[in-house]
Amino acid sequence: MKAIEIKADGWIEGKGYKKQVLASPEEIECEGCLAQVVEIKPGAYVAPHYHEKTYEYYYVISGEVTFTINELERVLKTGDMMITEPDDVHSVKNASSEDFRILVFKTNASPDDTVWLDS
């Protein structure tokens, strides 16, 4: 058994979000797999991007956002789950007054696999 905790000082700032790796490929014993939590503050926007090889499995822990994938909008709320596949262009906007927090499990992940479409 492995206990995993979100650490107050373990956050990494991104473009419109912050993230924390909860389980690395080494800890999972699966190359290209990892689990992380992502938080998007009220009013924040994660610009359109895609991954060349990565699959992302999202589970909403708390909050609500508008998630755009391949130009289709979907509102994600607490308890929802969604998957993006390689080359799915996606962006996220938190228009609510609450923090949005999501658990992300990635497969086929590698450094530099994210392609940002906006600067």
Protein backbone atom coordinates (compact mmCIF):
# COMPACT_ATOMS: atom_id res chain seq x y z
CA MET A 1 0.00 0.00 0.00
CA LYS A 2 1.09 3.55 -0.73
CA ALA A 3 -0.48 6.57 0.94
CA ILE A 4 -0.66 9.63 -1.29
CA GLU A 5 -1.21 13.15 0.00
CA ILE A 6 -1.54 16.53 -1.67
CA LYS A 7 1.30 18.65 -0.31
CA ALA A 8 0.87 22.38 0.29
CA ASP A 9 4.32 23.05 -1.18
CA GLY A 10 4.14 20.46 -3.98
CA TRP A 11 2.36 22.55 -6.62
CA ILE A 12 3.87 23.34 -10.03
CA GLU A 13 2.53 26.43 -11.81
CA GLY A 14 1.34 26.00 -15.40
CA LYS A 15 -0.37 28.15 -18.04
CA GLY A 16 -3.66 29.00 -16.28
CA TYR A 17 -3.47 26.15 -13.76
CA LYS A 18 -1.35 24.51 -11.14
CA LYS A 19 -0.66 20.79 -10.82
CA GLN A 20 0.84 18.28 -8.46
CA VAL A 21 2.06 14.83 -9.44
CA LEU A 22 0.53 12.29 -7.05
CA ALA A 23 2.11 9.17 -8.53
CA SER A 24 5.02 9.13 -10.97
CA PRO A 25 5.69 6.46 -13.63
CA GLU A 26 8.29 4.97 -11.28
CA GLU A 27 5.82 4.77 -8.39
CA ILE A 28 3.12 3.26 -10.62
CA GLU A 29 5.74 1.02 -12.25
CA CYS A 30 4.37 1.87 -15.69
CA GLU A 31 6.42 3.91 -18.16
CA GLY A 32 4.42 6.87 -19.49
CA CYS A 33 1.72 6.62 -16.78
CA LEU A 34 1.16 9.14 -14.02
CA ALA A 35 -1.53 10.53 -11.76
CA GLN A 36 -1.81 14.20 -10.89
CA VAL A 37 -4.25 16.68 -9.46
CA VAL A 38 -4.86 19.91 -11.37
CA GLU A 39 -6.42 23.07 -9.97
CA ILE A 40 -7.85 25.94 -12.01
CA LYS A 41 -8.70 29.15 -10.15
CA PRO A 42 -11.88 31.19 -10.79
CA GLY A 43 -11.56 33.25 -13.97
CA ALA A 44 -8.56 31.24 -15.20
CA TYR A 45 -8.23 29.87 -18.72
CA VAL A 46 -6.11 26.99 -20.00
CA ALA A 47 -5.35 27.74 -23.66
CA PRO A 48 -6.02 25.28 -26.49
CA HIS A 49 -3.47 22.49 -26.70
CA TYR A 50 -3.17 18.84 -27.58
CA HIS A 51 -0.91 15.90 -26.84
CA GLU A 52 0.77 13.92 -29.59
CA LYS A 53 0.69 10.54 -27.80
CA THR A 54 -0.86 11.07 -24.36
CA TYR A 55 -4.30 9.89 -23.29
CA GLU A 56 -5.74 11.87 -20.35
CA TYR A 57 -8.45 10.47 -18.08
CA TYR A 58 -10.15 13.21 -16.03
CA TYR A 59 -12.27 12.82 -12.89
CA VAL A 60 -13.73 16.03 -11.43
CA ILE A 61 -13.10 16.28 -7.70
CA SER A 62 -14.79 19.66 -7.18
CA GLY A 63 -16.08 22.71 -9.02
CA GLU A 64 -17.34 23.34 -12.53
CA VAL A 65 -15.68 24.43 -15.79
CA THR A 66 -16.40 24.73 -19.47
CA PHE A 67 -14.21 22.21 -21.25
CA THR A 68 -13.82 22.60 -25.01
CA ILE A 69 -12.62 19.61 -26.98
CA ASN A 70 -12.31 19.70 -30.78
CA GLU A 71 -14.54 22.82 -30.77
CA LEU A 72 -17.36 21.16 -28.79
CA GLU A 73 -18.15 22.68 -25.38
CA ARG A 74 -19.08 20.60 -22.38
CA VAL A 75 -19.63 21.67 -18.79
CA LEU A 76 -17.78 19.40 -16.36
CA LYS A 77 -19.02 19.19 -12.76
CA THR A 78 -18.12 17.30 -9.60
CA GLY A 79 -18.27 13.55 -10.26
CA ASP A 80 -17.97 13.78 -14.07
CA MET A 81 -15.36 11.81 -15.98
CA MET A 82 -13.97 12.39 -19.46
CA ILE A 83 -11.08 11.18 -21.66
CA THR A 84 -9.01 13.03 -24.24
CA GLU A 85 -7.09 11.09 -26.85
CA PRO A 86 -3.96 12.06 -28.79
CA ASP A 87 -4.55 15.06 -31.09
CA ASP A 88 -7.79 16.10 -29.31
CA VAL A 89 -7.50 19.90 -29.07
CA HIS A 90 -8.76 20.95 -25.65
CA SER A 91 -9.02 24.06 -23.48
CA VAL A 92 -10.63 24.86 -20.13
CA LYS A 93 -12.29 27.98 -18.72
CA ASN A 94 -13.34 28.40 -15.10
CA ALA A 95 -16.09 31.03 -15.21
CA SER A 96 -17.33 30.09 -11.72
CA SER A 97 -16.43 31.64 -8.38
CA GLU A 98 -14.94 28.37 -7.05
CA ASP A 99 -11.65 26.58 -7.53
CA PHE A 100 -11.92 23.67 -9.97
CA ARG A 101 -10.00 20.54 -9.03
CA ILE A 102 -9.58 17.46 -11.19
CA LEU A 103 -7.74 14.15 -10.93
CA VAL A 104 -5.85 13.35 -14.14
CA PHE A 105 -4.43 9.95 -14.99
CA LYS A 106 -2.15 9.94 -18.05
CA THR A 107 -0.97 7.11 -20.26
CA ASN A 108 1.70 7.28 -22.98
CA ALA A 109 2.89 10.54 -21.40
CA SER A 110 6.34 11.90 -22.15
CA PRO A 111 8.17 15.20 -21.71
CA ASP A 112 7.42 17.75 -24.44
CA ASP A 113 4.28 15.91 -25.62
CA THR A 114 2.08 19.02 -25.19
CA VAL A 115 1.58 21.31 -28.19
CA TRP A 116 0.18 24.76 -27.26
CA LEU A 117 -1.83 26.49 -29.99
CA ASP A 118 -1.96 29.94 -28.33
CA SER A 119 1.06 31.75 -26.97
